[in-house]
Amino acid sequence: MRRKLIVGNWKMNGSIASNQLLLQGIVAGVKNLPHADYVLCVPYPYFHQAQTLLQHSNVAWGAQNLSANEDTALTGSVSPSMLVDYGCTYVIVGHSERRILSHETDDTAAARFNAALKAGLTPIFCMGESKEERESDWTEYIVGRQLDSIIRRFGANLLSKAVLAYEPLWAVGTDTPATPAQAQEVHQFIRKRIARCDAEVAAQVRILYGGSLHPNNAKAIFAMPDIDGGLVGRCSLDAQAFVKICQSIQ
């Protein structure tokens, strides 16, 4: 059975003072919840603080992006080895906000995915369609194309070392999450597409749902057979809400 995973994505939020209270609240809240894995992906400036407060807990920490390059002249970029230096074990790759606002592509996301694996990090590879694409019945085409950017370049077997996340753009940061049935349909599609190349990898890879996940809908979404946890945005900034999402798995 695939072990559940809850990932908090703080995005561009936080301060040293507020982080301490938030991290302490989450650590206390999940310390007796042994049936899942927990990760917090924090902004770069707070890596040291996250490492200090999480290193003796059952909560891992990760990054929200990385460069595909090592040791080169790229002002403002952060390399995979820098993340490893701070004890990061996970990194989000291809998040919809990066794809849209920073004009990242399937090619650049795939390159960063591979760079993360080479450094020993676990990439959390994001996929999802816009409202217009869903209304045009393009969901499977868009998600399939994004997934194939990995499979075509590196093979399906590398997905066994990664985490996938379906995050419909029309649900991210809104009050309109996908229904459990809508989310399950896309998760099942992803798993079946991987199975065409490698059935064993398809059976073991963890696929998360992200998109306005909150305590009131988490239990129903996590009950779906192909959904293995969540990529949590704004509720990861509220210790009580994040812990309730984690408790819904138990």
Protein backbone atom coordinates (compact mmCIF):
# COMPACT_ATOMS: atom_id res chain seq x y z
CA MET A 1 0.00 0.00 0.00
CA ARG A 2 1.26 3.46 -0.87
CA ARG A 3 2.05 5.58 2.18
CA LYS A 4 0.17 8.88 2.32
CA LEU A 5 2.07 12.17 2.03
CA ILE A 6 1.04 15.70 3.00
CA VAL A 7 3.15 18.57 1.63
CA GLY A 8 2.73 22.16 2.77
CA ASN A 9 3.69 24.83 0.23
CA TRP A 10 4.18 28.18 1.98
CA LYS A 11 4.73 30.00 -1.32
CA MET A 12 6.04 33.56 -0.71
CA ASN A 13 4.92 33.82 2.90
CA GLY A 14 6.53 33.87 6.31
CA SER A 15 8.67 35.77 8.79
CA ILE A 16 11.13 34.56 11.39
CA ALA A 17 8.72 35.28 14.23
CA SER A 18 5.57 33.82 12.64
CA ASN A 19 7.44 30.81 11.24
CA GLN A 20 8.54 29.71 14.69
CA LEU A 21 5.00 29.56 16.02
CA LEU A 22 3.74 27.87 12.86
CA LEU A 23 6.48 25.24 12.79
CA GLN A 24 6.15 24.48 16.47
CA GLY A 25 2.39 24.12 16.11
CA ILE A 26 2.68 21.73 13.16
CA VAL A 27 5.40 19.63 14.82
CA ALA A 28 3.31 19.26 17.98
CA GLY A 29 0.19 18.49 15.99
CA VAL A 30 1.57 15.68 13.81
CA LYS A 31 4.08 14.06 16.16
CA ASN A 32 1.57 11.36 17.09
CA LEU A 33 0.26 10.84 13.56
CA PRO A 34 2.45 7.97 12.29
CA HIS A 35 0.43 6.86 9.28
CA ALA A 36 1.71 9.41 6.76
CA ASP A 37 4.76 11.45 5.80
CA TYR A 38 4.84 15.24 6.22
CA VAL A 39 6.85 17.88 4.37
CA LEU A 40 6.96 21.67 4.50
CA CYS A 41 8.32 23.53 1.47
CA VAL A 42 9.49 26.92 2.72
CA PRO A 43 11.01 30.01 1.05
CA TYR A 44 14.80 29.90 0.65
CA PRO A 45 15.61 32.45 3.41
CA TYR A 46 13.98 30.23 6.02
CA PHE A 47 15.84 26.99 5.32
CA HIS A 48 18.08 27.32 8.37
CA GLN A 49 15.12 28.02 10.63
CA ALA A 50 13.18 25.09 9.20
CA GLN A 51 16.18 22.79 9.56
CA THR A 52 16.72 23.87 13.17
CA LEU A 53 13.10 23.40 14.25
CA LEU A 54 12.22 20.30 12.21
CA GLN A 55 15.37 18.16 12.29
CA HIS A 56 14.32 16.08 15.31
CA SER A 57 10.66 15.79 14.28
CA ASN A 58 8.71 13.62 11.86
CA VAL A 59 8.34 16.59 9.47
CA ALA A 60 10.77 16.93 6.56
CA TRP A 61 11.48 20.19 4.76
CA GLY A 62 11.87 21.07 1.12
CA ALA A 63 12.12 23.86 -1.43
CA GLN A 64 9.64 25.37 -3.86
CA ASN A 65 11.94 25.41 -6.89
CA LEU A 66 15.56 24.88 -7.94
CA SER A 67 17.90 25.53 -10.81
CA ALA A 68 18.71 22.77 -13.27
CA ASN A 69 22.35 23.91 -13.13
CA GLU A 70 25.23 23.51 -10.71
CA ASP A 71 28.07 25.98 -10.09
CA THR A 72 27.39 28.41 -12.89
CA ALA A 73 26.85 32.15 -13.36
CA LEU A 74 23.10 32.46 -12.75
CA THR A 75 22.38 35.42 -10.52
CA GLY A 76 19.53 34.76 -8.11
CA SER A 77 19.34 31.01 -8.73
CA VAL A 78 19.68 28.19 -6.20
CA SER A 79 21.37 24.94 -7.15
CA PRO A 80 20.36 21.41 -6.11
CA SER A 81 23.48 21.00 -3.95
CA MET A 82 22.60 24.16 -2.01
CA LEU A 83 19.29 22.58 -1.06
CA VAL A 84 21.07 19.42 0.02
CA ASP A 85 23.42 21.50 2.19
CA TYR A 86 20.41 22.56 4.27
CA GLY A 87 19.06 19.07 4.63
CA CYS A 88 16.23 19.47 2.14
CA THR A 89 14.88 16.19 0.87
CA TYR A 90 12.01 17.38 -1.36
CA VAL A 91 11.57 20.11 -3.98
CA ILE A 92 8.49 21.26 -5.89
CA VAL A 93 8.99 21.30 -9.68
CA GLY A 94 6.72 22.73 -12.35
CA HIS A 95 4.17 24.39 -10.06
CA SER A 96 1.44 26.16 -12.04
CA GLU A 97 2.39 29.57 -10.65
CA ARG A 98 5.95 29.08 -11.90
CA ARG A 99 4.72 27.88 -15.29
CA ILE A 100 2.38 30.85 -15.72
CA LEU A 101 4.07 33.78 -14.00
CA SER A 102 7.68 32.81 -14.70
CA HIS A 103 6.99 31.33 -18.14
CA GLU A 104 8.46 27.95 -17.24
CA THR A 105 7.90 25.21 -19.79
CA ASP A 106 7.59 21.44 -19.91
CA ASP A 107 11.24 21.35 -21.04
CA THR A 108 12.60 23.46 -18.19
CA ALA A 109 10.47 21.63 -15.63
CA ALA A 110 11.76 18.28 -16.91
CA ALA A 111 15.36 19.50 -16.68
CA ARG A 112 14.88 20.58 -13.06
CA PHE A 113 13.16 17.28 -12.28
CA ASN A 114 16.22 15.41 -13.50
CA ALA A 115 18.62 17.75 -11.67
CA ALA A 116 16.75 17.15 -8.42
CA LEU A 117 17.01 13.38 -8.78
CA LYS A 118 20.71 13.56 -9.57
CA ALA A 119 21.25 15.48 -6.33
CA GLY A 120 19.35 12.90 -4.30
CA LEU A 121 16.27 15.08 -3.84
CA THR A 122 12.70 13.88 -4.32
CA PRO A 123 10.98 16.10 -6.88
CA ILE A 124 7.28 16.82 -6.46
CA PHE A 125 6.30 17.24 -10.11
CA CYS A 126 3.16 19.31 -10.66
CA MET A 127 0.65 18.98 -13.49
CA GLY A 128 -2.71 20.57 -14.19
CA GLU A 129 -5.03 22.31 -16.61
CA SER A 130 -6.59 25.77 -16.72
CA LYS A 131 -10.30 26.49 -16.49
CA GLU A 132 -10.47 27.09 -20.24
CA GLU A 133 -8.65 23.83 -20.97
CA ARG A 134 -11.01 21.86 -18.74
CA GLU A 135 -14.07 23.47 -20.31
CA SER A 136 -12.67 22.53 -23.74
CA ASP A 137 -12.22 18.92 -22.57
CA TRP A 138 -8.43 19.18 -22.87
CA THR A 139 -7.60 18.00 -19.35
CA GLU A 140 -6.13 14.65 -20.36
CA TYR A 141 -4.20 16.19 -23.24
CA ILE A 142 -2.60 18.86 -21.04
CA VAL A 143 -1.83 16.60 -18.08
CA GLY A 144 -0.63 13.83 -20.40
CA ARG A 145 1.70 16.21 -22.23
CA GLN A 146 3.20 17.44 -18.95
CA LEU A 147 3.69 13.89 -17.69
CA ASP A 148 5.16 12.77 -21.01
CA SER A 149 7.80 15.52 -20.74
CA ILE A 150 9.34 13.33 -18.03
CA ILE A 151 8.61 9.88 -19.43
CA ARG A 152 9.80 10.72 -22.94
CA ARG A 153 13.14 12.13 -21.76
CA PHE A 154 14.03 9.96 -18.80
CA GLY A 155 11.77 6.92 -18.81
CA ALA A 156 8.92 5.97 -16.52
CA ASN A 157 11.21 4.16 -14.10
CA LEU A 158 12.52 7.46 -12.67
CA LEU A 159 9.02 8.27 -11.48
CA SER A 160 9.51 5.64 -8.78
CA LYS A 161 11.90 8.11 -7.11
CA ALA A 162 9.53 11.05 -7.41
CA VAL A 163 6.16 12.32 -6.25
CA LEU A 164 3.51 13.59 -8.68
CA ALA A 165 0.89 16.24 -7.95
CA TYR A 166 -2.28 17.06 -9.84
CA GLU A 167 -3.17 20.71 -9.23
CA PRO A 168 -5.97 22.02 -11.46
CA LEU A 169 -5.22 25.69 -12.09
CA TRP A 170 -8.91 26.55 -11.82
CA ALA A 171 -8.91 25.33 -8.22
CA VAL A 172 -5.57 26.69 -6.92
CA GLY A 173 -6.10 29.60 -4.53
CA THR A 174 -9.87 29.63 -5.03
CA ASP A 175 -12.91 28.42 -3.14
CA THR A 176 -13.72 25.94 -5.90
CA PRO A 177 -11.71 22.75 -5.37
CA ALA A 178 -12.11 19.73 -7.58
CA THR A 179 -14.69 17.30 -6.28
CA PRO A 180 -13.34 13.96 -5.06
CA ALA A 181 -14.68 12.34 -8.23
CA GLN A 182 -13.08 14.95 -10.51
CA ALA A 183 -9.73 14.59 -8.75
CA GLN A 184 -9.89 10.79 -8.81
CA GLU A 185 -10.64 10.76 -12.52
CA VAL A 186 -7.43 12.65 -13.35
CA HIS A 187 -5.32 10.73 -10.83
CA GLN A 188 -6.53 7.48 -12.36
CA PHE A 189 -5.69 8.79 -15.83
CA ILE A 190 -2.14 9.64 -14.67
CA ARG A 191 -1.62 6.22 -13.13
CA LYS A 192 -2.95 4.41 -16.21
CA ARG A 193 -0.71 6.47 -18.50
CA ILE A 194 2.35 5.49 -16.46
CA ALA A 195 1.20 1.86 -16.45
CA ARG A 196 1.41 1.77 -20.25
CA CYS A 197 5.17 2.07 -19.78
CA ASP A 198 5.74 0.44 -16.39
CA ALA A 199 2.93 -1.13 -14.37
CA GLU A 200 5.09 -1.59 -11.27
CA VAL A 201 6.04 2.09 -11.13
CA ALA A 202 2.42 3.10 -11.73
CA ALA A 203 1.32 1.03 -8.77
CA GLN A 204 3.87 2.52 -6.37
CA VAL A 205 4.23 6.20 -7.35
CA ARG A 206 2.50 8.63 -5.00
CA ILE A 207 0.16 11.15 -6.65
CA LEU A 208 -1.05 14.11 -4.57
CA TYR A 209 -3.99 16.42 -5.07
CA GLY A 210 -3.45 20.18 -4.79
CA GLY A 211 -6.03 22.90 -5.26
CA SER A 212 -7.94 24.50 -2.36
CA LEU A 213 -7.46 21.47 -0.15
CA HIS A 214 -8.80 22.21 3.34
CA PRO A 215 -10.00 20.36 6.46
CA ASN A 216 -13.58 20.12 5.20
CA ASN A 217 -12.80 18.29 1.95
CA ALA A 218 -9.54 16.47 2.73
CA LYS A 219 -11.03 13.25 4.11
CA ALA A 220 -13.28 12.69 1.10
CA ILE A 221 -10.50 13.45 -1.36
CA PHE A 222 -7.96 11.23 0.43
CA ALA A 223 -10.48 8.36 0.38
CA MET A 224 -10.19 8.13 -3.41
CA PRO A 225 -8.16 5.05 -4.45
CA ASP A 226 -5.59 6.83 -6.62
CA ILE A 227 -5.04 9.89 -4.39
CA ASP A 228 -2.11 9.49 -2.03
CA GLY A 229 -2.19 12.77 -0.13
CA GLY A 230 -2.16 16.47 -0.72
CA LEU A 231 -0.15 19.50 -1.78
CA VAL A 232 -1.51 22.14 0.61
CA GLY A 233 -1.21 25.86 -0.04
CA ARG A 234 -2.85 28.45 2.20
CA CYS A 235 -3.90 25.96 4.88
CA SER A 236 -0.22 25.13 5.42
CA LEU A 237 0.13 28.65 6.87
CA ASP A 238 -2.34 27.78 9.64
CA ALA A 239 -1.05 25.11 12.02
CA GLN A 240 -4.51 24.08 13.19
CA ALA A 241 -5.89 23.74 9.65
CA PHE A 242 -2.81 21.88 8.39
CA VAL A 243 -2.90 19.44 11.31
CA LYS A 244 -6.60 18.79 10.71
CA ILE A 245 -5.82 17.90 7.10
CA CYS A 246 -3.12 15.52 8.34
CA GLN A 247 -5.52 14.00 10.89
CA SER A 248 -8.03 13.23 8.16
CA ILE A 249 -5.74 10.45 6.92
CA GLN A 250 -5.46 8.64 10.23
